[in-house]
């Protein structure tokens, strides 16, 4: 049997994939050059080795234990309504399909492990974004939100370094340099964003499953 020729759609799809792959390679080269230009060479001894960890399953794919038909069910006790709004905790943010807000990618947490306040601010950005996500490009919107906050971190670290130089504080200068390098590397390193891609792919699949009759 002769192999049928590729359809116009298949040819177009293949060209799009090839173009996208070439663009990724160019972007990586630009990122590497920009990292060395802005931050200089890596510190003596290199960056700490990041141990690959198995990603935790998303909350919506956790197995649900089956109920035993013979098991006795506890009577339903209505919970009393809380009158004091100050005592009630806010509900965790969720995207439109009811899924919880994505956590800060693990690799970003490792790069910024010495700065827990920055990790908390990144989580706040994701929480705010999840309340009003970009309907057409939810994954891209989350990346833009994180990149915007990382840019502000880099500006703050640069200002701290300038202030340390102005005071002539050697310890403050070294501390600010370390922070600027960690923030700058996090800002230019696109690897952690793959965790967000996995999250939103799972969210999309969950929406599709929920939409099925």
N, C-alpha and C. Protein backbone atom coordinates (compact mmCIF):
# COMPACT_ATOMS: atom_id res chain seq x y z
N UNK A 1 0.84 -1.20 0.00
CA UNK A 1 0.00 0.00 0.00
C UNK A 1 0.88 1.25 0.00
N UNK A 2 0.47 2.23 -0.76
CA UNK A 2 1.23 3.47 -0.81
C UNK A 2 0.84 4.35 0.39
N UNK A 3 1.81 5.06 0.88
CA UNK A 3 1.56 5.94 2.02
C UNK A 3 0.84 7.18 1.52
N UNK A 4 -0.31 7.51 2.09
CA UNK A 4 -1.04 8.70 1.62
C UNK A 4 -0.24 9.95 1.92
N UNK A 5 -0.30 10.93 1.02
CA UNK A 5 0.44 12.17 1.26
C UNK A 5 -0.12 12.92 2.47
N UNK A 6 0.74 13.74 3.06
CA UNK A 6 0.31 14.53 4.21
C UNK A 6 -0.75 15.55 3.78
N UNK A 7 -1.70 15.72 4.65
CA UNK A 7 -2.71 16.74 4.37
C UNK A 7 -2.11 18.12 4.59
N UNK A 8 -2.79 19.12 4.07
CA UNK A 8 -2.30 20.49 4.25
C UNK A 8 -2.26 20.86 5.72
N UNK A 9 -3.23 20.35 6.46
CA UNK A 9 -3.26 20.65 7.90
C UNK A 9 -2.06 20.03 8.62
N UNK A 10 -1.71 18.77 8.25
CA UNK A 10 -0.58 18.10 8.89
C UNK A 10 0.73 18.82 8.56
N UNK A 11 0.88 19.25 7.31
CA UNK A 11 2.09 19.98 6.92
C UNK A 11 2.20 21.29 7.69
N UNK A 12 1.07 21.99 7.80
CA UNK A 12 1.08 23.26 8.52
C UNK A 12 1.40 23.05 10.00
N UNK A 13 0.82 22.00 10.58
CA UNK A 13 1.07 21.71 12.00
C UNK A 13 2.54 21.37 12.24
N UNK A 14 3.13 20.59 11.31
CA UNK A 14 4.54 20.23 11.47
C UNK A 14 5.42 21.46 11.37
N UNK A 15 5.10 22.37 10.45
CA UNK A 15 5.90 23.58 10.32
C UNK A 15 5.79 24.46 11.56
N UNK A 16 4.60 24.51 12.13
CA UNK A 16 4.42 25.31 13.35
C UNK A 16 5.26 24.75 14.49
N UNK A 17 5.27 23.42 14.62
CA UNK A 17 6.06 22.78 15.68
C UNK A 17 7.55 23.04 15.47
N UNK A 18 8.01 22.92 14.22
CA UNK A 18 9.43 23.15 13.94
C UNK A 18 9.81 24.60 14.23
N UNK A 19 8.94 25.52 13.84
CA UNK A 19 9.22 26.94 14.10
C UNK A 19 9.26 27.22 15.59
N UNK A 20 8.32 26.62 16.32
CA UNK A 20 8.26 26.84 17.77
C UNK A 20 9.50 26.27 18.45
N UNK A 21 9.98 25.10 18.00
CA UNK A 21 11.17 24.50 18.59
C UNK A 21 12.40 25.38 18.33
N UNK A 22 12.50 25.91 17.11
CA UNK A 22 13.63 26.78 16.80
C UNK A 22 13.59 28.05 17.63
N UNK A 23 12.38 28.58 17.85
CA UNK A 23 12.24 29.78 18.67
C UNK A 23 12.65 29.52 20.11
N UNK A 24 12.31 28.34 20.63
CA UNK A 24 12.70 27.99 22.00
C UNK A 24 14.22 27.95 22.15
N UNK A 25 14.90 27.37 21.15
CA UNK A 25 16.36 27.31 21.20
C UNK A 25 16.97 28.71 21.17
N UNK A 26 16.39 29.59 20.33
CA UNK A 26 16.89 30.97 20.30
C UNK A 26 16.65 31.67 21.62
N UNK A 27 15.47 31.44 22.21
CA UNK A 27 15.16 32.07 23.50
C UNK A 27 16.12 31.62 24.59
N UNK A 28 16.43 30.31 24.61
CA UNK A 28 17.36 29.80 25.62
C UNK A 28 18.75 30.43 25.46
N UNK A 29 19.17 30.58 24.22
CA UNK A 29 20.48 31.20 23.98
C UNK A 29 20.49 32.65 24.45
N UNK A 30 19.40 33.37 24.17
CA UNK A 30 19.30 34.76 24.60
C UNK A 30 19.28 34.85 26.13
N UNK A 31 18.55 33.92 26.77
CA UNK A 31 18.48 33.92 28.23
C UNK A 31 19.85 33.68 28.85
N UNK A 32 20.58 32.71 28.30
CA UNK A 32 21.92 32.42 28.82
C UNK A 32 22.85 33.62 28.66
N UNK A 33 22.81 34.25 27.49
CA UNK A 33 23.66 35.41 27.26
C UNK A 33 23.28 36.56 28.18
N UNK A 34 21.97 36.74 28.38
CA UNK A 34 21.51 37.84 29.24
C UNK A 34 21.87 37.58 30.70
N UNK A 35 21.81 36.31 31.11
CA UNK A 35 22.16 35.97 32.50
C UNK A 35 23.61 36.31 32.78
N UNK A 36 24.50 35.91 31.88
CA UNK A 36 25.93 36.20 32.07
C UNK A 36 26.19 37.69 32.00
N UNK A 37 25.50 38.40 31.09
CA UNK A 37 25.73 39.83 30.93
C UNK A 37 25.26 40.63 32.13
N UNK A 38 24.08 40.30 32.68
CA UNK A 38 23.52 41.07 33.78
C UNK A 38 24.04 40.64 35.14
N UNK A 39 24.25 39.33 35.33
CA UNK A 39 24.60 38.83 36.66
C UNK A 39 26.05 38.39 36.77
N UNK A 40 26.74 38.30 35.63
CA UNK A 40 28.11 37.82 35.68
C UNK A 40 28.15 36.31 35.76
N UNK A 41 29.34 35.75 35.86
CA UNK A 41 29.46 34.29 35.95
C UNK A 41 28.86 33.78 37.25
N UNK A 42 28.49 32.50 37.31
CA UNK A 42 27.94 31.93 38.54
C UNK A 42 28.94 32.03 39.68
N UNK A 43 28.48 31.97 40.94
CA UNK A 43 29.39 32.05 42.08
C UNK A 43 30.36 30.89 42.10
N UNK A 44 31.43 31.06 42.89
CA UNK A 44 32.47 30.04 42.98
C UNK A 44 31.87 28.73 43.46
N UNK A 45 32.16 27.66 42.75
CA UNK A 45 31.58 26.37 43.11
C UNK A 45 30.30 26.06 42.37
N UNK A 46 29.76 27.06 41.65
CA UNK A 46 28.54 26.82 40.88
C UNK A 46 27.29 26.89 41.75
N UNK A 47 26.15 26.83 41.11
CA UNK A 47 24.87 26.85 41.81
C UNK A 47 24.65 25.51 42.50
N UNK A 48 23.88 25.52 43.59
CA UNK A 48 23.60 24.24 44.28
C UNK A 48 22.84 23.29 43.37
N UNK A 49 23.18 22.02 43.47
CA UNK A 49 22.52 21.01 42.65
C UNK A 49 21.08 20.86 43.12
N UNK A 50 20.16 20.93 42.17
CA UNK A 50 18.75 20.79 42.49
C UNK A 50 18.33 19.34 42.24
N UNK A 51 17.94 18.70 43.31
CA UNK A 51 17.51 17.30 43.21
C UNK A 51 16.13 17.25 42.58
N UNK A 52 16.01 16.43 41.55
CA UNK A 52 14.72 16.29 40.89
C UNK A 52 13.76 15.55 41.82
N UNK A 53 12.60 16.12 41.97
CA UNK A 53 11.60 15.51 42.82
C UNK A 53 10.38 15.14 42.01
N UNK A 54 9.77 14.07 42.42
CA UNK A 54 8.55 13.65 41.75
C UNK A 54 7.44 14.63 42.10
N UNK A 55 6.80 15.24 41.10
CA UNK A 55 5.76 16.23 41.41
C UNK A 55 4.60 15.60 42.16
N UNK A 56 4.09 16.38 43.10
CA UNK A 56 2.94 15.90 43.85
C UNK A 56 1.69 15.93 42.97
N UNK A 57 0.84 14.92 43.09
CA UNK A 57 -0.39 14.94 42.29
C UNK A 57 -1.28 16.11 42.69
N UNK A 58 -1.97 16.65 41.72
CA UNK A 58 -2.86 17.76 41.98
C UNK A 58 -4.01 17.33 42.89
N UNK A 59 -4.60 18.27 43.62
CA UNK A 59 -5.66 17.89 44.56
C UNK A 59 -6.83 17.20 43.91
N UNK A 60 -7.13 17.56 42.64
CA UNK A 60 -8.33 17.01 42.03
C UNK A 60 -8.14 15.60 41.47
N UNK A 61 -6.90 15.08 41.50
CA UNK A 61 -6.67 13.72 41.01
C UNK A 61 -6.39 12.76 42.16
N UNK A 62 -6.54 13.21 43.40
CA UNK A 62 -6.34 12.33 44.53
C UNK A 62 -7.42 11.25 44.54
N UNK A 63 -7.04 9.97 44.81
CA UNK A 63 -8.05 8.91 44.84
C UNK A 63 -9.03 9.12 45.98
N UNK A 64 -10.27 8.85 45.68
CA UNK A 64 -11.33 8.98 46.67
C UNK A 64 -11.66 7.59 47.19
N UNK A 65 -11.56 7.35 48.50
CA UNK A 65 -11.85 6.01 49.01
C UNK A 65 -13.30 5.64 48.77
N UNK A 66 -13.49 4.38 48.36
CA UNK A 66 -14.84 3.89 48.09
C UNK A 66 -15.59 3.69 49.40
N UNK A 67 -16.86 3.97 49.38
CA UNK A 67 -17.70 3.81 50.56
C UNK A 67 -18.23 2.39 50.63
N UNK A 68 -18.22 1.82 51.80
CA UNK A 68 -18.75 0.48 52.02
C UNK A 68 -20.25 0.58 52.21
N UNK A 69 -20.99 -0.18 51.41
CA UNK A 69 -22.45 -0.13 51.51
C UNK A 69 -22.94 -0.58 52.88
N UNK A 70 -22.19 -1.48 53.54
CA UNK A 70 -22.61 -2.00 54.84
C UNK A 70 -22.15 -1.12 55.99
N UNK A 71 -21.32 -0.13 55.67
CA UNK A 71 -20.81 0.72 56.75
C UNK A 71 -21.90 1.66 57.22
N UNK A 72 -21.90 1.92 58.49
CA UNK A 72 -22.89 2.83 59.07
C UNK A 72 -22.41 4.27 58.86
N UNK A 73 -23.29 5.07 58.35
CA UNK A 73 -22.95 6.47 58.13
C UNK A 73 -23.34 7.28 59.34
N UNK A 74 -22.49 8.21 59.68
CA UNK A 74 -22.77 9.05 60.83
C UNK A 74 -23.89 10.02 60.50
N UNK A 75 -24.74 10.31 61.46
CA UNK A 75 -25.83 11.26 61.20
C UNK A 75 -25.28 12.64 60.88
N UNK A 76 -25.96 13.31 59.99
CA UNK A 76 -25.53 14.64 59.57
C UNK A 76 -25.90 15.65 60.64
N UNK A 77 -24.90 16.34 61.13
CA UNK A 77 -25.12 17.36 62.15
C UNK A 77 -24.86 18.71 61.51
N UNK A 78 -25.86 19.56 61.41
CA UNK A 78 -25.65 20.87 60.79
C UNK A 78 -24.68 21.71 61.61
N UNK A 79 -23.79 22.37 60.91
CA UNK A 79 -22.83 23.24 61.57
C UNK A 79 -23.48 24.57 61.89
N UNK A 80 -23.24 25.10 63.07
CA UNK A 80 -23.85 26.38 63.42
C UNK A 80 -23.27 27.50 62.56
N UNK A 81 -24.12 28.42 62.21
CA UNK A 81 -23.70 29.54 61.37
C UNK A 81 -22.90 30.52 62.21
N UNK A 82 -21.80 30.94 61.67
CA UNK A 82 -20.93 31.86 62.40
C UNK A 82 -21.44 33.28 62.19
N UNK A 83 -21.72 33.94 63.27
CA UNK A 83 -22.29 35.28 63.19
C UNK A 83 -21.21 36.34 63.03
N UNK A 84 -20.05 36.10 63.65
CA UNK A 84 -19.01 37.11 63.66
C UNK A 84 -18.16 36.98 62.40
N UNK A 85 -18.21 37.95 61.47
CA UNK A 85 -17.40 37.82 60.25
C UNK A 85 -15.91 37.86 60.53
N UNK A 86 -15.51 38.47 61.64
CA UNK A 86 -14.09 38.54 61.95
C UNK A 86 -13.51 37.19 62.31
N UNK A 87 -14.39 36.26 62.77
CA UNK A 87 -13.93 34.94 63.15
C UNK A 87 -13.83 33.99 61.98
N UNK A 88 -14.46 34.32 60.88
CA UNK A 88 -14.47 33.43 59.73
C UNK A 88 -13.25 33.69 58.87
N UNK A 89 -12.65 32.61 58.36
CA UNK A 89 -11.47 32.72 57.51
C UNK A 89 -11.90 32.80 56.05
N UNK A 90 -11.20 33.59 55.23
CA UNK A 90 -11.57 33.68 53.82
C UNK A 90 -11.34 32.36 53.11
N UNK A 91 -12.19 32.08 52.15
CA UNK A 91 -12.04 30.87 51.36
C UNK A 91 -10.80 30.98 50.49
N UNK A 92 -10.09 29.87 50.27
CA UNK A 92 -8.91 29.94 49.41
C UNK A 92 -9.31 30.30 47.99
N UNK A 93 -8.50 31.10 47.30
CA UNK A 93 -8.85 31.48 45.94
C UNK A 93 -8.89 30.28 45.02
N UNK A 94 -9.73 30.35 44.00
CA UNK A 94 -9.86 29.26 43.05
C UNK A 94 -10.11 29.83 41.68
N UNK A 95 -9.70 29.09 40.67
CA UNK A 95 -9.96 29.51 39.32
C UNK A 95 -11.40 29.16 38.97
N UNK A 96 -11.84 29.49 37.78
CA UNK A 96 -13.26 29.46 37.46
C UNK A 96 -13.88 28.09 37.63
N UNK A 97 -13.13 27.02 37.45
CA UNK A 97 -13.72 25.69 37.55
C UNK A 97 -13.68 25.15 38.97
N UNK A 98 -13.34 26.00 39.95
CA UNK A 98 -13.39 25.58 41.34
C UNK A 98 -12.11 24.97 41.86
N UNK A 99 -11.05 24.91 41.08
CA UNK A 99 -9.79 24.34 41.52
C UNK A 99 -9.02 25.36 42.36
N UNK A 100 -8.23 24.91 43.33
CA UNK A 100 -7.48 25.86 44.15
C UNK A 100 -6.41 26.57 43.35
N UNK A 101 -5.96 27.69 43.88
CA UNK A 101 -4.91 28.46 43.19
C UNK A 101 -3.63 27.64 43.11
N UNK A 102 -2.87 27.77 42.03
CA UNK A 102 -1.62 27.00 41.90
C UNK A 102 -0.59 27.46 42.91
N UNK A 103 0.20 26.55 43.45
CA UNK A 103 1.27 26.96 44.37
C UNK A 103 2.46 27.51 43.60
N UNK A 104 3.32 28.20 44.31
CA UNK A 104 4.56 28.68 43.70
C UNK A 104 5.38 27.47 43.24
N UNK A 105 5.86 27.45 42.00
CA UNK A 105 6.63 26.30 41.52
C UNK A 105 7.77 25.93 42.47
N UNK A 106 7.98 24.63 42.63
CA UNK A 106 8.98 24.13 43.58
C UNK A 106 10.38 24.65 43.28
N UNK A 107 10.73 24.75 42.00
CA UNK A 107 12.07 25.22 41.65
C UNK A 107 12.28 26.67 42.05
N UNK A 108 11.22 27.48 41.94
CA UNK A 108 11.33 28.86 42.40
C UNK A 108 11.50 28.91 43.92
N UNK A 109 10.80 28.01 44.61
CA UNK A 109 10.95 27.95 46.06
C UNK A 109 12.39 27.60 46.46
N UNK A 110 13.00 26.70 45.70
CA UNK A 110 14.38 26.32 46.01
C UNK A 110 15.35 27.46 45.72
N UNK A 111 15.13 28.18 44.62
CA UNK A 111 16.03 29.28 44.29
C UNK A 111 15.91 30.43 45.29
N UNK A 112 14.72 30.61 45.85
CA UNK A 112 14.47 31.71 46.79
C UNK A 112 14.28 31.21 48.22
N UNK A 113 14.88 30.07 48.54
CA UNK A 113 14.66 29.47 49.86
C UNK A 113 15.15 30.36 50.99
N UNK A 114 16.12 31.23 50.73
CA UNK A 114 16.63 32.13 51.77
C UNK A 114 15.77 33.37 51.93
N UNK A 115 14.73 33.49 51.11
CA UNK A 115 13.88 34.69 51.15
C UNK A 115 12.41 34.27 51.19
N UNK A 116 11.95 33.74 52.33
CA UNK A 116 10.56 33.26 52.42
C UNK A 116 9.53 34.35 52.18
N UNK A 117 9.90 35.61 52.50
CA UNK A 117 8.94 36.69 52.28
C UNK A 117 8.69 36.89 50.78
N UNK A 118 9.69 36.64 49.94
CA UNK A 118 9.49 36.76 48.50
C UNK A 118 8.62 35.62 47.98
N UNK A 119 8.81 34.42 48.52
CA UNK A 119 7.96 33.30 48.13
C UNK A 119 6.51 33.58 48.48
N UNK A 120 6.29 34.17 49.66
CA UNK A 120 4.92 34.49 50.06
C UNK A 120 4.30 35.53 49.13
N UNK A 121 5.08 36.49 48.70
CA UNK A 121 4.56 37.51 47.78
C UNK A 121 4.25 36.91 46.41
N UNK A 122 5.03 35.93 45.98
CA UNK A 122 4.72 35.24 44.72
C UNK A 122 3.42 34.46 44.85
N UNK A 123 3.21 33.82 46.00
CA UNK A 123 1.97 33.08 46.20
C UNK A 123 0.77 34.01 46.20
N UNK A 124 0.93 35.20 46.76
CA UNK A 124 -0.16 36.18 46.75
C UNK A 124 -0.51 36.59 45.33
N UNK A 125 0.51 36.69 44.48
CA UNK A 125 0.25 37.04 43.07
C UNK A 125 -0.58 35.95 42.40
N UNK A 126 -0.22 34.68 42.63
CA UNK A 126 -0.98 33.58 42.03
C UNK A 126 -2.38 33.50 42.61
N UNK A 127 -2.52 33.80 43.90
CA UNK A 127 -3.85 33.80 44.51
C UNK A 127 -4.74 34.87 43.86
N UNK A 128 -4.18 36.07 43.69
CA UNK A 128 -4.95 37.15 43.08
C UNK A 128 -5.30 36.82 41.63
N UNK A 129 -4.34 36.25 40.91
CA UNK A 129 -4.59 35.93 39.50
C UNK A 129 -5.66 34.86 39.36
N UNK A 130 -5.66 33.88 40.26
CA UNK A 130 -6.60 32.77 40.13
C UNK A 130 -8.04 33.22 40.31
N UNK A 131 -8.24 34.36 40.96
CA UNK A 131 -9.61 34.86 41.13
C UNK A 131 -10.16 35.41 39.81
N UNK A 132 -9.28 35.98 38.99
CA UNK A 132 -9.70 36.52 37.69
C UNK A 132 -8.68 36.09 36.64
N UNK A 133 -8.68 34.81 36.25
CA UNK A 133 -7.67 34.35 35.29
C UNK A 133 -7.98 34.79 33.87
N UNK A 134 -6.99 34.72 33.04
CA UNK A 134 -7.16 34.98 31.61
C UNK A 134 -7.89 33.78 31.00
N UNK A 135 -9.09 33.97 30.50
CA UNK A 135 -9.88 32.85 30.01
C UNK A 135 -9.26 32.19 28.78
N UNK A 136 -8.67 33.00 27.92
CA UNK A 136 -8.12 32.45 26.68
C UNK A 136 -6.75 31.81 26.91
N UNK A 137 -5.93 32.42 27.75
CA UNK A 137 -4.57 31.91 27.98
C UNK A 137 -4.28 31.91 29.48
N UNK A 138 -4.89 30.99 30.24
CA UNK A 138 -4.67 31.00 31.70
C UNK A 138 -3.23 30.74 32.09
N UNK A 139 -2.55 29.83 31.37
CA UNK A 139 -1.16 29.53 31.70
C UNK A 139 -0.26 30.73 31.44
N UNK A 140 -0.41 31.37 30.27
CA UNK A 140 0.40 32.53 29.95
C UNK A 140 0.15 33.66 30.94
N UNK A 141 -1.12 33.84 31.32
CA UNK A 141 -1.42 34.89 32.28
C UNK A 141 -0.74 34.68 33.61
N UNK A 142 -0.68 33.43 34.08
CA UNK A 142 0.00 33.14 35.34
C UNK A 142 1.49 33.43 35.24
N UNK A 143 2.09 33.08 34.10
CA UNK A 143 3.53 33.35 33.90
C UNK A 143 3.78 34.86 33.91
N UNK A 144 2.94 35.61 33.21
CA UNK A 144 3.12 37.06 33.17
C UNK A 144 3.01 37.66 34.58
N UNK A 145 2.08 37.13 35.37
CA UNK A 145 1.92 37.63 36.73
C UNK A 145 3.18 37.37 37.56
N UNK A 146 3.73 36.15 37.45
CA UNK A 146 4.95 35.84 38.19
C UNK A 146 6.14 36.66 37.70
N UNK A 147 6.27 36.79 36.38
CA UNK A 147 7.40 37.54 35.84
C UNK A 147 7.35 39.01 36.27
N UNK A 148 6.13 39.57 36.31
CA UNK A 148 6.01 40.95 36.75
C UNK A 148 6.46 41.14 38.19
N UNK A 149 6.09 40.20 39.06
CA UNK A 149 6.51 40.31 40.45
C UNK A 149 8.02 40.07 40.60
N UNK A 150 8.56 39.12 39.82
CA UNK A 150 10.01 38.89 39.87
C UNK A 150 10.79 40.10 39.38
N UNK A 151 10.25 40.81 38.39
CA UNK A 151 10.90 42.04 37.94
C UNK A 151 10.95 43.07 39.06
N UNK A 152 9.86 43.17 39.83
CA UNK A 152 9.86 44.11 40.95
C UNK A 152 10.86 43.68 42.02
N UNK A 153 11.01 42.36 42.24
CA UNK A 153 12.01 41.88 43.18
C UNK A 153 13.41 42.30 42.75
N UNK A 154 13.69 42.18 41.45
CA UNK A 154 15.02 42.52 40.95
C UNK A 154 15.29 44.01 41.13
N UNK A 155 14.27 44.84 40.89
CA UNK A 155 14.44 46.29 41.08
C UNK A 155 14.70 46.60 42.55
N UNK A 156 13.98 45.93 43.44
CA UNK A 156 14.19 46.15 44.87
C UNK A 156 15.59 45.72 45.30
N UNK A 157 16.05 44.56 44.80
CA UNK A 157 17.39 44.09 45.15
C UNK A 157 18.46 45.04 44.63
N UNK A 158 18.24 45.60 43.45
CA UNK A 158 19.22 46.55 42.91
C UNK A 158 19.26 47.82 43.75
N UNK A 159 18.08 48.28 44.21
CA UNK A 159 18.05 49.46 45.07
C UNK A 159 18.73 49.19 46.41
N UNK A 160 18.54 47.97 46.95
CA UNK A 160 19.21 47.62 48.20
C UNK A 160 20.73 47.61 48.03
N UNK A 161 21.19 47.13 46.88
CA UNK A 161 22.63 47.11 46.63
C UNK A 161 23.18 48.52 46.51
N UNK A 162 22.46 49.40 45.82
CA UNK A 162 22.90 50.78 45.69
C UNK A 162 22.94 51.47 47.05
N UNK A 163 21.93 51.18 47.90
CA UNK A 163 21.91 51.78 49.23
C UNK A 163 23.08 51.27 50.08
N UNK A 164 23.41 49.98 49.94
CA UNK A 164 24.54 49.43 50.70
C UNK A 164 25.86 50.05 50.26
N UNK A 165 26.01 50.28 48.94
CA UNK A 165 27.21 50.94 48.45
C UNK A 165 27.29 52.37 48.99
N UNK A 166 26.14 53.05 49.03
CA UNK A 166 26.14 54.43 49.51
C UNK A 166 26.53 54.52 50.98
N UNK A 167 26.13 53.51 51.77
CA UNK A 167 26.48 53.50 53.19
C UNK A 167 27.89 52.98 53.44
N UNK A 168 28.48 52.33 52.43
CA UNK A 168 29.79 51.73 52.62
C UNK A 168 29.75 50.54 53.55
N UNK A 169 28.68 49.76 53.46
CA UNK A 169 28.48 48.60 54.34
C UNK A 169 28.90 47.33 53.60
N UNK A 170 30.09 46.78 53.88
CA UNK A 170 30.54 45.58 53.15
C UNK A 170 29.61 44.39 53.34
N UNK A 171 29.14 44.19 54.56
CA UNK A 171 28.24 43.05 54.81
C UNK A 171 26.92 43.24 54.07
N UNK A 172 26.40 44.47 54.08
CA UNK A 172 25.17 44.74 53.36
C UNK A 172 25.34 44.60 51.86
N UNK A 173 26.52 44.98 51.35
CA UNK A 173 26.79 44.85 49.91
C UNK A 173 26.79 43.39 49.51
N UNK A 174 27.48 42.55 50.29
CA UNK A 174 27.53 41.12 49.97
C UNK A 174 26.15 40.49 50.05
N UNK A 175 25.38 40.88 51.05
CA UNK A 175 24.02 40.34 51.21
C UNK A 175 23.13 40.76 50.05
N UNK A 176 23.24 42.03 49.64
CA UNK A 176 22.42 42.52 48.53
C UNK A 176 22.83 41.87 47.21
N UNK A 177 24.13 41.63 47.03
CA UNK A 177 24.58 40.95 45.81
C UNK A 177 24.01 39.54 45.72
N UNK A 178 24.03 38.84 46.84
CA UNK A 178 23.51 37.48 46.86
C UNK A 178 22.02 37.46 46.53
N UNK A 179 21.29 38.42 47.09
CA UNK A 179 19.86 38.49 46.83
C UNK A 179 19.59 38.85 45.37
N UNK A 180 20.36 39.80 44.84
CA UNK A 180 20.15 40.20 43.45
C UNK A 180 20.43 39.03 42.51
N UNK A 181 21.46 38.24 42.81
CA UNK A 181 21.77 37.10 41.94
C UNK A 181 20.65 36.07 42.00
N UNK A 182 20.16 35.75 43.21
CA UNK A 182 19.10 34.75 43.35
C UNK A 182 17.83 35.20 42.64
N UNK A 183 17.47 36.47 42.82
CA UNK A 183 16.26 36.98 42.18
C UNK A 183 16.45 37.06 40.67
N UNK A 184 17.62 37.52 40.23
CA UNK A 184 17.87 37.64 38.80
C UNK A 184 17.86 36.29 38.10
N UNK A 185 18.46 35.29 38.74
CA UNK A 185 18.47 33.96 38.14
C UNK A 185 17.05 33.39 38.09
N UNK A 186 16.27 33.63 39.13
CA UNK A 186 14.87 33.17 39.13
C UNK A 186 14.08 33.86 38.03
N UNK A 187 14.38 35.13 37.80
CA UNK A 187 13.65 35.89 36.79
C UNK A 187 13.96 35.41 35.38
N UNK A 188 15.20 34.99 35.13
CA UNK A 188 15.59 34.59 33.78
C UNK A 188 15.44 33.10 33.54
N UNK A 189 15.31 32.32 34.59
CA UNK A 189 15.20 30.86 34.45
C UNK A 189 13.75 30.49 34.19
N UNK A 190 13.47 29.92 33.01
CA UNK A 190 12.10 29.57 32.64
C UNK A 190 11.72 28.14 33.03
N UNK A 191 12.66 27.39 33.59
CA UNK A 191 12.37 26.00 33.95
C UNK A 191 11.21 25.84 34.91
N UNK A 192 11.12 26.65 35.99
CA UNK A 192 10.02 26.46 36.94
C UNK A 192 8.64 26.60 36.33
N UNK A 193 8.54 27.31 35.20
CA UNK A 193 7.22 27.54 34.63
C UNK A 193 6.58 26.25 34.11
N UNK A 194 7.38 25.20 33.89
CA UNK A 194 6.81 23.94 33.41
C UNK A 194 5.86 23.35 34.44
N UNK A 195 6.09 23.62 35.74
CA UNK A 195 5.18 23.13 36.77
C UNK A 195 3.82 23.79 36.63
N UNK A 196 3.81 25.07 36.29
CA UNK A 196 2.53 25.75 36.07
C UNK A 196 1.82 25.18 34.85
N UNK A 197 2.60 24.81 33.83
CA UNK A 197 1.98 24.22 32.64
C UNK A 197 1.26 22.93 33.00
N UNK A 198 1.90 22.09 33.82
CA UNK A 198 1.27 20.83 34.23
C UNK A 198 0.01 21.11 35.03
N UNK A 199 0.05 22.13 35.86
CA UNK A 199 -1.13 22.46 36.66
C UNK A 199 -2.31 22.84 35.78
N UNK A 200 -2.08 23.75 34.84
CA UNK A 200 -3.19 24.22 34.03
C UNK A 200 -3.65 23.18 33.02
N UNK A 201 -2.76 22.29 32.61
CA UNK A 201 -3.21 21.17 31.77
C UNK A 201 -4.16 20.27 32.55
N UNK A 202 -3.82 20.02 33.81
CA UNK A 202 -4.73 19.24 34.64
C UNK A 202 -6.04 19.95 34.87
N UNK A 203 -5.98 21.27 35.03
CA UNK A 203 -7.22 22.03 35.21
C UNK A 203 -8.09 21.96 33.96
N UNK A 204 -7.45 22.06 32.81
CA UNK A 204 -8.21 21.98 31.55
C UNK A 204 -8.87 20.62 31.40
N UNK A 205 -8.12 19.55 31.71
CA UNK A 205 -8.70 18.21 31.60
C UNK A 205 -9.85 18.03 32.58
N UNK A 206 -9.71 18.62 33.77
CA UNK A 206 -10.79 18.51 34.74
C UNK A 206 -12.05 19.22 34.26
N UNK A 207 -11.87 20.38 33.63
CA UNK A 207 -13.02 21.10 33.09
C UNK A 207 -13.71 20.28 32.02
N UNK A 208 -12.91 19.63 31.17
CA UNK A 208 -13.50 18.81 30.10
C UNK A 208 -14.28 17.65 30.69
N UNK A 209 -13.72 17.01 31.72
CA UNK A 209 -14.43 15.89 32.35
C UNK A 209 -15.72 16.35 33.02
N UNK A 210 -15.67 17.51 33.65
CA UNK A 210 -16.87 18.01 34.31
C UNK A 210 -17.95 18.39 33.31
N UNK A 211 -17.53 18.77 32.09
CA UNK A 211 -18.50 19.20 31.10
C UNK A 211 -19.19 18.02 30.41
N UNK A 212 -18.64 16.83 30.56
CA UNK A 212 -19.25 15.67 29.91
C UNK A 212 -20.53 15.27 30.65
N UNK A 213 -21.54 14.85 29.89
CA UNK A 213 -22.80 14.46 30.54
C UNK A 213 -22.64 13.16 31.33
